[in-house]
Amino acid sequence: LTSPQDAFDFADKVGYPVLVRPSYVLSGAAMNVAYNSGELARNLQVAGEVSNEHPVVLSKFLLNSKEIDIDAVAENGEVLCHAISEHIEQA
């Protein structure tokens, strides 16, 4: 999303809570959860200037859920190895 209004529109559409992160961050300290519009406004300020050059990614945050990763390495369409892992921290 490239404007604060886009972020508020998305949150209104999917409902709170939402996960807020700068587009260049996959996980970690720069991610925040907003449970309402006031928290979303604060999280957008923390994320920095929201613009075309500094977009923010918002996702619906699911309560009481598990985060599962599935990774695989393939060659010529054949899976050589795979791994399924569950995060032990709260998703």
C-alpha atoms as a PDB file:
ATOM      1  CA  LEU A   1       0.000   0.000   0.000  1.00  0.00           C
ATOM      2  CA  THR A   2       1.332   3.399  -0.876  1.00  0.00           C
ATOM      3  CA  SER A   3      -0.803   5.767   1.191  1.00  0.00           C
ATOM      4  CA  PRO A   4      -2.178   5.838   4.742  1.00  0.00           C
ATOM      5  CA  GLN A   5      -5.721   5.995   3.339  1.00  0.00           C
ATOM      6  CA  ASP A   6      -5.103   2.762   1.407  1.00  0.00           C
ATOM      7  CA  ALA A   7      -4.070   1.137   4.699  1.00  0.00           C
ATOM      8  CA  PHE A   8      -7.206   2.302   6.534  1.00  0.00           C
ATOM      9  CA  ASP A   9      -9.412   1.208   3.615  1.00  0.00           C
ATOM     10  CA  PHE A  10      -7.830  -2.257   3.656  1.00  0.00           C
ATOM     11  CA  ALA A  11      -8.230  -2.612   7.430  1.00  0.00           C
ATOM     12  CA  ASP A  12     -11.870  -1.551   7.198  1.00  0.00           C
ATOM     13  CA  LYS A  13     -12.449  -4.116   4.442  1.00  0.00           C
ATOM     14  CA  VAL A  14     -10.820  -7.155   6.152  1.00  0.00           C
ATOM     15  CA  GLY A  15     -11.381  -6.117   9.766  1.00  0.00           C
ATOM     16  CA  TYR A  16      -8.943  -5.706  12.617  1.00  0.00           C
ATOM     17  CA  PRO A  17      -6.457  -6.895  13.724  1.00  0.00           C
ATOM     18  CA  VAL A  18      -4.029  -6.358  10.833  1.00  0.00           C
ATOM     19  CA  LEU A  19      -0.307  -7.007  10.545  1.00  0.00           C
ATOM     20  CA  VAL A  20       1.693  -3.950   9.434  1.00  0.00           C
ATOM     21  CA  ARG A  21       5.208  -4.110   8.012  1.00  0.00           C
ATOM     22  CA  PRO A  22       7.430  -2.137   5.668  1.00  0.00           C
ATOM     23  CA  SER A  23       7.541  -3.861   2.267  1.00  0.00           C
ATOM     24  CA  TYR A  24      11.260  -4.655   2.597  1.00  0.00           C
ATOM     25  CA  VAL A  25      10.764  -6.617   5.864  1.00  0.00           C
ATOM     26  CA  LEU A  26       9.726 -10.268   5.894  1.00  0.00           C
ATOM     27  CA  SER A  27       9.536 -10.623   9.681  1.00  0.00           C
ATOM     28  CA  GLY A  28      10.965  -9.315  12.915  1.00  0.00           C
ATOM     29  CA  ALA A  29      10.900  -6.182  15.004  1.00  0.00           C
ATOM     30  CA  ALA A  30       9.616  -3.922  12.219  1.00  0.00           C
ATOM     31  CA  MET A  31       6.319  -5.853  12.138  1.00  0.00           C
ATOM     32  CA  ASN A  32       3.433  -4.688  14.311  1.00  0.00           C
ATOM     33  CA  VAL A  33      -0.161  -5.748  14.913  1.00  0.00           C
ATOM     34  CA  ALA A  34      -2.871  -3.071  14.917  1.00  0.00           C
ATOM     35  CA  TYR A  35      -6.088  -3.938  16.750  1.00  0.00           C
ATOM     36  CA  ASN A  36      -7.865  -0.668  15.875  1.00  0.00           C
ATOM     37  CA  SER A  37      -7.515   2.454  13.717  1.00  0.00           C
ATOM     38  CA  GLY A  38      -5.563   4.347  16.390  1.00  0.00           C
ATOM     39  CA  GLU A  39      -2.954   1.610  16.595  1.00  0.00           C
ATOM     40  CA  LEU A  40      -2.840   1.418  12.806  1.00  0.00           C
ATOM     41  CA  ALA A  41      -2.101   5.154  12.633  1.00  0.00           C
ATOM     42  CA  ARG A  42       0.745   4.751  15.172  1.00  0.00           C
ATOM     43  CA  ASN A  43       2.128   1.693  13.360  1.00  0.00           C
ATOM     44  CA  LEU A  44       2.129   3.544  10.042  1.00  0.00           C
ATOM     45  CA  GLN A  45       4.162   6.333  11.669  1.00  0.00           C
ATOM     46  CA  VAL A  46       6.650   3.770  12.994  1.00  0.00           C
ATOM     47  CA  ALA A  47       6.889   2.198   9.529  1.00  0.00           C
ATOM     48  CA  GLY A  48       8.006   5.567   8.179  1.00  0.00           C
ATOM     49  CA  GLU A  49       6.745   7.690   5.333  1.00  0.00           C
ATOM     50  CA  VAL A  50       4.238   5.591   3.388  1.00  0.00           C
ATOM     51  CA  SER A  51       4.646   6.350  -0.305  1.00  0.00           C
ATOM     52  CA  ASN A  52       5.345   4.772  -3.684  1.00  0.00           C
ATOM     53  CA  GLU A  53       9.016   4.621  -2.675  1.00  0.00           C
ATOM     54  CA  HIS A  54       8.269   3.241   0.820  1.00  0.00           C
ATOM     55  CA  PRO A  55       5.186   1.027   0.569  1.00  0.00           C
ATOM     56  CA  VAL A  56       3.715  -0.802   3.558  1.00  0.00           C
ATOM     57  CA  VAL A  57       2.290  -4.317   3.496  1.00  0.00           C
ATOM     58  CA  LEU A  58      -0.867  -5.052   5.489  1.00  0.00           C
ATOM     59  CA  SER A  59      -2.254  -8.523   6.090  1.00  0.00           C
ATOM     60  CA  LYS A  60      -5.214  -9.789   8.048  1.00  0.00           C
ATOM     61  CA  PHE A  61      -3.826 -11.011  11.404  1.00  0.00           C
ATOM     62  CA  LEU A  62      -5.398 -14.282  12.460  1.00  0.00           C
ATOM     63  CA  LEU A  63      -5.881 -14.812  16.190  1.00  0.00           C
ATOM     64  CA  ASN A  64      -5.230 -18.225  17.776  1.00  0.00           C
ATOM     65  CA  SER A  65      -3.496 -19.564  14.684  1.00  0.00           C
ATOM     66  CA  LYS A  66      -0.331 -21.513  13.924  1.00  0.00           C
ATOM     67  CA  GLU A  67       2.336 -20.514  11.438  1.00  0.00           C
ATOM     68  CA  ILE A  68       3.566 -23.379   9.278  1.00  0.00           C
ATOM     69  CA  ASP A  69       6.392 -23.152   6.727  1.00  0.00           C
ATOM     70  CA  ILE A  70       6.777 -25.538   3.826  1.00  0.00           C
ATOM     71  CA  ASP A  71      10.059 -25.441   1.906  1.00  0.00           C
ATOM     72  CA  ALA A  72      11.303 -27.625  -0.926  1.00  0.00           C
ATOM     73  CA  VAL A  73      14.242 -27.921  -3.267  1.00  0.00           C
ATOM     74  CA  ALA A  74      13.528 -29.226  -6.754  1.00  0.00           C
ATOM     75  CA  GLU A  75      15.455 -29.875  -9.922  1.00  0.00           C
ATOM     76  CA  ASN A  76      13.789 -30.294 -13.306  1.00  0.00           C
ATOM     77  CA  GLY A  77      10.382 -30.553 -11.665  1.00  0.00           C
ATOM     78  CA  GLU A  78      11.399 -33.279  -9.182  1.00  0.00           C
ATOM     79  CA  VAL A  79      11.384 -32.483  -5.466  1.00  0.00           C
ATOM     80  CA  LEU A  80      14.746 -33.486  -4.035  1.00  0.00           C
ATOM     81  CA  CYS A  81      14.038 -32.628  -0.406  1.00  0.00           C
ATOM     82  CA  HIS A  82      11.347 -30.910   1.617  1.00  0.00           C
ATOM     83  CA  ALA A  83      10.711 -29.667   5.129  1.00  0.00           C
ATOM     84  CA  ILE A  84       7.591 -28.728   7.052  1.00  0.00           C
ATOM     85  CA  SER A  85       8.072 -26.724  10.234  1.00  0.00           C
ATOM     86  CA  GLU A  86       5.778 -25.172  12.798  1.00  0.00           C
ATOM     87  CA  HIS A  87       6.804 -21.929  14.480  1.00  0.00           C
ATOM     88  CA  ILE A  88       6.930 -22.332  18.232  1.00  0.00           C
ATOM     89  CA  GLU A  89       6.201 -18.674  19.035  1.00  0.00           C
ATOM     90  CA  GLN A  90       2.702 -17.242  18.697  1.00  0.00           C
ATOM     91  CA  ALA A  91       1.869 -16.618  15.046  1.00  0.00           C
END
